[in-house]
Amino acid sequence: MSINEQHQEKSLRIVAPDIYNKLILELDAYHIQPYDIQANAVEYENGLKLILYYGEQFPHSEEKFASFEEWHEWSKDLSAFMDSTAQTLKQTMAADYFKMMKM
């Protein structure tokens, strides 16, 4: 990843539909629906950076860079990232829900 290169963030569904589908299946195990997140990606020569936005109006984000091979094999590191991210997503969604109920 060169610092001088300009890379544009795009929807993961467009950049890598197979990775998007795997991501949605992983999150479904935690009862997180596709409309609870915005999944974007930035493509680099040597891999893909996943950027997940979440929360009320999507102010929070989690990022993970991995090689294309790691994404397609869905390494243990990616599974651990998804587990950690899913727990954070659930906590944020619950906090947003209770905040909304107090209004």
C-alpha atoms as a PDB file:
ATOM      1  CA  MET A   1       0.000   0.000   0.000  1.00  0.00           C
ATOM      2  CA  SER A   2       1.654   3.148  -1.149  1.00  0.00           C
ATOM      3  CA  ILE A   3       0.911   6.339   0.749  1.00  0.00           C
ATOM      4  CA  ASN A   4       0.872   8.334  -2.479  1.00  0.00           C
ATOM      5  CA  GLU A   5      -1.739   6.160  -4.162  1.00  0.00           C
ATOM      6  CA  GLN A   6      -5.288   7.458  -4.163  1.00  0.00           C
ATOM      7  CA  HIS A   7      -7.780   4.683  -3.479  1.00  0.00           C
ATOM      8  CA  GLN A   8     -11.504   5.180  -3.432  1.00  0.00           C
ATOM      9  CA  GLU A   9     -13.900   3.567  -0.986  1.00  0.00           C
ATOM     10  CA  LYS A  10     -16.664   1.652  -2.774  1.00  0.00           C
ATOM     11  CA  SER A  11     -19.498  -0.659  -1.796  1.00  0.00           C
ATOM     12  CA  LEU A  12     -18.252  -4.146  -0.949  1.00  0.00           C
ATOM     13  CA  ARG A  13     -21.198  -5.553  -2.924  1.00  0.00           C
ATOM     14  CA  ILE A  14     -19.706  -4.007  -6.073  1.00  0.00           C
ATOM     15  CA  VAL A  15     -16.004  -4.583  -5.343  1.00  0.00           C
ATOM     16  CA  ALA A  16     -16.220  -8.192  -4.135  1.00  0.00           C
ATOM     17  CA  PRO A  17     -19.726  -9.712  -4.121  1.00  0.00           C
ATOM     18  CA  ASP A  18     -18.428 -13.122  -2.982  1.00  0.00           C
ATOM     19  CA  ILE A  19     -16.752 -11.572   0.073  1.00  0.00           C
ATOM     20  CA  TYR A  20     -19.896  -9.525   0.770  1.00  0.00           C
ATOM     21  CA  ASN A  21     -22.026 -12.681   0.720  1.00  0.00           C
ATOM     22  CA  LYS A  22     -19.628 -14.451   3.106  1.00  0.00           C
ATOM     23  CA  LEU A  23     -19.678 -11.405   5.404  1.00  0.00           C
ATOM     24  CA  ILE A  24     -23.489 -11.389   5.475  1.00  0.00           C
ATOM     25  CA  LEU A  25     -23.542 -15.114   6.298  1.00  0.00           C
ATOM     26  CA  GLU A  26     -21.034 -14.580   9.121  1.00  0.00           C
ATOM     27  CA  LEU A  27     -23.049 -11.692  10.589  1.00  0.00           C
ATOM     28  CA  ASP A  28     -26.313 -13.623  10.268  1.00  0.00           C
ATOM     29  CA  ALA A  29     -24.971 -16.075  12.848  1.00  0.00           C
ATOM     30  CA  TYR A  30     -25.022 -13.122  15.284  1.00  0.00           C
ATOM     31  CA  HIS A  31     -28.518 -12.028  14.163  1.00  0.00           C
ATOM     32  CA  ILE A  32     -27.111  -8.930  12.453  1.00  0.00           C
ATOM     33  CA  GLN A  33     -28.942  -8.085   9.245  1.00  0.00           C
ATOM     34  CA  PRO A  34     -27.510  -6.508   6.065  1.00  0.00           C
ATOM     35  CA  TYR A  35     -29.411  -3.276   6.734  1.00  0.00           C
ATOM     36  CA  ASP A  36     -27.682  -2.911  10.134  1.00  0.00           C
ATOM     37  CA  ILE A  37     -24.345  -2.199   8.449  1.00  0.00           C
ATOM     38  CA  GLN A  38     -22.773  -0.436   5.496  1.00  0.00           C
ATOM     39  CA  ALA A  39     -19.990  -2.579   4.071  1.00  0.00           C
ATOM     40  CA  ASN A  40     -17.447  -0.725   1.970  1.00  0.00           C
ATOM     41  CA  ALA A  41     -14.032  -1.659   0.672  1.00  0.00           C
ATOM     42  CA  VAL A  42     -10.874  -0.125  -0.674  1.00  0.00           C
ATOM     43  CA  GLU A  43      -8.946  -2.215  -3.182  1.00  0.00           C
ATOM     44  CA  TYR A  44      -5.170  -2.231  -3.132  1.00  0.00           C
ATOM     45  CA  GLU A  45      -2.689  -4.104  -5.266  1.00  0.00           C
ATOM     46  CA  ASN A  46      -2.003  -6.644  -2.536  1.00  0.00           C
ATOM     47  CA  GLY A  47      -5.378  -6.895  -0.810  1.00  0.00           C
ATOM     48  CA  LEU A  48      -8.645  -5.414   0.283  1.00  0.00           C
ATOM     49  CA  LYS A  49      -9.515  -3.184   3.228  1.00  0.00           C
ATOM     50  CA  LEU A  50     -12.998  -3.841   4.578  1.00  0.00           C
ATOM     51  CA  ILE A  51     -14.719  -0.915   6.266  1.00  0.00           C
ATOM     52  CA  LEU A  52     -17.907  -1.684   8.216  1.00  0.00           C
ATOM     53  CA  TYR A  53     -20.049   1.246   9.281  1.00  0.00           C
ATOM     54  CA  TYR A  54     -22.696   0.670  11.949  1.00  0.00           C
ATOM     55  CA  GLY A  55     -24.861   2.344  14.549  1.00  0.00           C
ATOM     56  CA  GLU A  56     -27.685   4.848  14.216  1.00  0.00           C
ATOM     57  CA  GLN A  57     -26.913   6.686  10.943  1.00  0.00           C
ATOM     58  CA  PHE A  58     -23.624   4.709  10.701  1.00  0.00           C
ATOM     59  CA  PRO A  59     -21.208   6.911  12.697  1.00  0.00           C
ATOM     60  CA  HIS A  60     -19.053   3.997  13.949  1.00  0.00           C
ATOM     61  CA  SER A  61     -16.678   1.920  11.887  1.00  0.00           C
ATOM     62  CA  GLU A  62     -14.377  -1.078  12.044  1.00  0.00           C
ATOM     63  CA  GLU A  63     -11.659  -1.736   9.475  1.00  0.00           C
ATOM     64  CA  LYS A  64      -9.694  -4.790   8.456  1.00  0.00           C
ATOM     65  CA  PHE A  65      -7.066  -5.210   5.757  1.00  0.00           C
ATOM     66  CA  ALA A  66      -6.229  -8.664   4.406  1.00  0.00           C
ATOM     67  CA  SER A  67      -4.795 -10.127   1.237  1.00  0.00           C
ATOM     68  CA  PHE A  68      -7.196 -11.367  -1.413  1.00  0.00           C
ATOM     69  CA  GLU A  69      -6.151 -14.920  -0.587  1.00  0.00           C
ATOM     70  CA  GLU A  70      -7.022 -14.457   3.102  1.00  0.00           C
ATOM     71  CA  TRP A  71     -10.431 -13.032   2.170  1.00  0.00           C
ATOM     72  CA  HIS A  72     -11.261 -15.935  -0.112  1.00  0.00           C
ATOM     73  CA  GLU A  73     -10.025 -18.572   2.327  1.00  0.00           C
ATOM     74  CA  TRP A  74     -11.605 -16.668   5.256  1.00  0.00           C
ATOM     75  CA  SER A  75      -8.661 -17.111   7.614  1.00  0.00           C
ATOM     76  CA  LYS A  76      -8.882 -17.604  11.388  1.00  0.00           C
ATOM     77  CA  ASP A  77      -7.762 -13.992  11.776  1.00  0.00           C
ATOM     78  CA  LEU A  78     -10.791 -12.821   9.775  1.00  0.00           C
ATOM     79  CA  SER A  79     -13.122 -15.033  11.805  1.00  0.00           C
ATOM     80  CA  ALA A  80     -11.725 -13.541  15.019  1.00  0.00           C
ATOM     81  CA  PHE A  81     -12.176 -10.026  13.582  1.00  0.00           C
ATOM     82  CA  MET A  82     -15.783 -10.819  12.638  1.00  0.00           C
ATOM     83  CA  ASP A  83     -16.519 -12.234  16.093  1.00  0.00           C
ATOM     84  CA  SER A  84     -15.107  -9.147  17.809  1.00  0.00           C
ATOM     85  CA  THR A  85     -16.844  -6.782  15.391  1.00  0.00           C
ATOM     86  CA  ALA A  86     -20.178  -8.593  15.710  1.00  0.00           C
ATOM     87  CA  GLN A  87     -20.054  -8.266  19.503  1.00  0.00           C
ATOM     88  CA  THR A  88     -19.325  -4.541  19.185  1.00  0.00           C
ATOM     89  CA  LEU A  89     -22.139  -4.148  16.644  1.00  0.00           C
ATOM     90  CA  LYS A  90     -24.633  -5.866  18.944  1.00  0.00           C
ATOM     91  CA  GLN A  91     -23.643  -3.682  21.901  1.00  0.00           C
ATOM     92  CA  THR A  92     -23.920  -0.514  19.823  1.00  0.00           C
ATOM     93  CA  MET A  93     -27.283  -1.532  18.382  1.00  0.00           C
ATOM     94  CA  ALA A  94     -28.640  -2.286  21.867  1.00  0.00           C
ATOM     95  CA  ALA A  95     -27.368   1.054  23.202  1.00  0.00           C
ATOM     96  CA  ASP A  96     -28.937   2.893  20.246  1.00  0.00           C
ATOM     97  CA  TYR A  97     -32.221   1.075  20.844  1.00  0.00           C
ATOM     98  CA  PHE A  98     -32.370   2.026  24.520  1.00  0.00           C
ATOM     99  CA  LYS A  99     -31.395   5.614  23.705  1.00  0.00           C
ATOM    100  CA  MET A 100     -34.244   5.760  21.211  1.00  0.00           C
ATOM    101  CA  MET A 101     -36.717   4.299  23.731  1.00  0.00           C
ATOM    102  CA  LYS A 102     -35.871   7.036  26.269  1.00  0.00           C
ATOM    103  CA  MET A 103     -36.834   9.768  23.812  1.00  0.00           C
END
